[in-house]
C-alpha atoms as a PDB file:
ATOM      1  CA  MET A   1     -10.150  -8.997  -4.019  1.00  0.00           C
ATOM      2  CA  ILE A   2      -9.980  -6.480  -1.204  1.00  0.00           C
ATOM      3  CA  VAL A   3      -6.830  -6.325   0.857  1.00  0.00           C
ATOM      4  CA  ARG A   4      -5.636  -4.210   3.745  1.00  0.00           C
ATOM      5  CA  ILE A   5      -1.994  -3.189   3.316  1.00  0.00           C
ATOM      6  CA  PRO A   6      -0.074  -1.229   5.930  1.00  0.00           C
ATOM      7  CA  ILE A   7       1.865   1.531   4.185  1.00  0.00           C
ATOM      8  CA  VAL A   8       4.335   4.236   5.150  1.00  0.00           C
ATOM      9  CA  LEU A   9       4.506   7.549   3.278  1.00  0.00           C
ATOM     10  CA  GLU A  10       7.901   9.162   3.673  1.00  0.00           C
ATOM     11  CA  PRO A  11       8.310  12.789   2.567  1.00  0.00           C
ATOM     12  CA  GLN A  12      11.321  13.299   0.306  1.00  0.00           C
ATOM     13  CA  PRO A  13      13.671  16.296   0.579  1.00  0.00           C
ATOM     14  CA  GLU A  14      13.173  17.167  -3.096  1.00  0.00           C
ATOM     15  CA  GLY A  15       9.390  16.940  -2.676  1.00  0.00           C
ATOM     16  CA  GLY A  16       6.870  14.197  -3.036  1.00  0.00           C
ATOM     17  CA  TYR A  17       6.480  10.981  -1.082  1.00  0.00           C
ATOM     18  CA  THR A  18       7.886   7.482  -1.219  1.00  0.00           C
ATOM     19  CA  VAL A  19       5.479   4.708  -0.219  1.00  0.00           C
ATOM     20  CA  THR A  20       6.620   1.392   1.256  1.00  0.00           C
ATOM     21  CA  SER A  21       4.947  -1.409   3.189  1.00  0.00           C
ATOM     22  CA  PRO A  22       6.476  -3.143   6.208  1.00  0.00           C
ATOM     23  CA  LEU A  23       4.425  -6.248   5.378  1.00  0.00           C
ATOM     24  CA  LEU A  24       5.300  -6.327   1.655  1.00  0.00           C
ATOM     25  CA  PRO A  25       8.894  -5.100   1.248  1.00  0.00           C
ATOM     26  CA  GLU A  26       8.602  -5.418  -2.534  1.00  0.00           C
ATOM     27  CA  LEU A  27       5.924  -2.702  -2.598  1.00  0.00           C
ATOM     28  CA  ILE A  28       7.601   0.607  -3.381  1.00  0.00           C
ATOM     29  CA  THR A  29       6.019   3.531  -5.186  1.00  0.00           C
ATOM     30  CA  GLU A  30       5.959   7.315  -5.044  1.00  0.00           C
ATOM     31  CA  GLY A  31       3.943  10.391  -5.879  1.00  0.00           C
ATOM     32  CA  ASP A  32       4.265  14.155  -5.960  1.00  0.00           C
ATOM     33  CA  THR A  33       1.349  14.509  -3.510  1.00  0.00           C
ATOM     34  CA  VAL A  34      -0.124  12.284  -0.824  1.00  0.00           C
ATOM     35  CA  GLY A  35      -3.138  11.657  -3.053  1.00  0.00           C
ATOM     36  CA  GLU A  36      -0.992  10.692  -6.017  1.00  0.00           C
ATOM     37  CA  ALA A  37       1.192   8.447  -3.866  1.00  0.00           C
ATOM     38  CA  LEU A  38      -1.871   6.663  -2.466  1.00  0.00           C
ATOM     39  CA  ALA A  39      -3.345   6.280  -5.953  1.00  0.00           C
ATOM     40  CA  ASN A  40      -0.125   4.594  -7.090  1.00  0.00           C
ATOM     41  CA  VAL A  41      -0.344   1.949  -4.339  1.00  0.00           C
ATOM     42  CA  GLU A  42      -2.946  -0.041  -6.281  1.00  0.00           C
ATOM     43  CA  ASP A  43      -0.647  -0.434  -9.305  1.00  0.00           C
ATOM     44  CA  ALA A  44       2.317  -1.218  -7.059  1.00  0.00           C
ATOM     45  CA  PHE A  45       0.307  -3.880  -5.244  1.00  0.00           C
ATOM     46  CA  ALA A  46      -0.736  -5.451  -8.559  1.00  0.00           C
ATOM     47  CA  ALA A  47       2.943  -5.736  -9.501  1.00  0.00           C
ATOM     48  CA  VAL A  48       3.807  -7.258  -6.112  1.00  0.00           C
ATOM     49  CA  ALA A  49       0.946  -9.769  -6.402  1.00  0.00           C
ATOM     50  CA  GLU A  50       2.327 -10.800  -9.790  1.00  0.00           C
ATOM     51  CA  ILE A  51       5.813 -11.271  -8.297  1.00  0.00           C
ATOM     52  CA  TYR A  52       4.390 -13.516  -5.568  1.00  0.00           C
ATOM     53  CA  GLU A  53       2.407 -15.471  -8.148  1.00  0.00           C
ATOM     54  CA  ASP A  54       5.502 -15.957 -10.333  1.00  0.00           C
ATOM     55  CA  ARG A  55       7.405 -17.227  -7.291  1.00  0.00           C
ATOM     56  CA  ARG A  56       4.465 -19.477  -6.346  1.00  0.00           C
ATOM     57  CA  GLN A  57       4.588 -17.780  -2.968  1.00  0.00           C
ATOM     58  CA  PRO A  58       1.366 -16.875  -1.131  1.00  0.00           C
ATOM     59  CA  LEU A  59       0.708 -13.302  -0.103  1.00  0.00           C
ATOM     60  CA  PRO A  60       0.572 -12.790   3.674  1.00  0.00           C
ATOM     61  CA  ARG A  61      -2.819 -14.009   4.918  1.00  0.00           C
ATOM     62  CA  SER A  62      -3.152 -11.004   7.217  1.00  0.00           C
ATOM     63  CA  ILE A  63      -3.720  -8.635   4.277  1.00  0.00           C
ATOM     64  CA  TYR A  64      -7.003 -10.227   3.203  1.00  0.00           C
ATOM     65  CA  VAL A  65     -10.232  -8.637   4.340  1.00  0.00           C
ATOM     66  CA  ASP A  66     -12.561 -11.372   5.554  1.00  0.00           C
ATOM     67  CA  GLU A  67     -15.804  -9.858   4.410  1.00  0.00           C
ATOM     68  CA  ALA A  68     -15.742  -7.898   1.153  1.00  0.00           C
ATOM     69  CA  ASN A  69     -18.942  -6.021   2.026  1.00  0.00           C
ATOM     70  CA  GLY A  70     -18.081  -5.496   5.676  1.00  0.00           C
ATOM     71  CA  PRO A  71     -16.571  -2.446   7.312  1.00  0.00           C
ATOM     72  CA  LEU A  72     -12.999  -1.472   6.561  1.00  0.00           C
ATOM     73  CA  SER A  73     -10.738   0.234   9.034  1.00  0.00           C
ATOM     74  CA  VAL A  74      -8.227   2.799   7.870  1.00  0.00           C
ATOM     75  CA  GLU A  75      -5.850   5.118   9.637  1.00  0.00           C
ATOM     76  CA  ALA A  76      -5.219   8.661   8.574  1.00  0.00           C
ATOM     77  CA  ILE A  77      -2.665  11.183   9.710  1.00  0.00           C
ATOM     78  CA  VAL A  78      -3.855  14.750   9.482  1.00  0.00           C
ATOM     79  CA  SER A  79      -2.172  18.020  10.301  1.00  0.00           C
ATOM     80  CA  LEU A  80      -3.982  20.392  12.630  1.00  0.00           C
ATOM     81  CA  PRO A  81      -3.302  24.145  12.610  1.00  0.00           C
END
């Protein structure tokens, strides 16, 4: 299953990032770097999917990618010097 999940990476004062999703409020994870935080999203999503399944509640339809082999769109925020 391929899904598209909007996420927000929030820098923490002590370092690292907290990741949340406005579409899936149950999805919360973190990482010491942006890469680590993004890598942890997959595990966090698996846990959220299990919660929805246990509740017999469908995941939001808008997260599903229609065509698994089609193009994906992603957004990236980059810092320029």
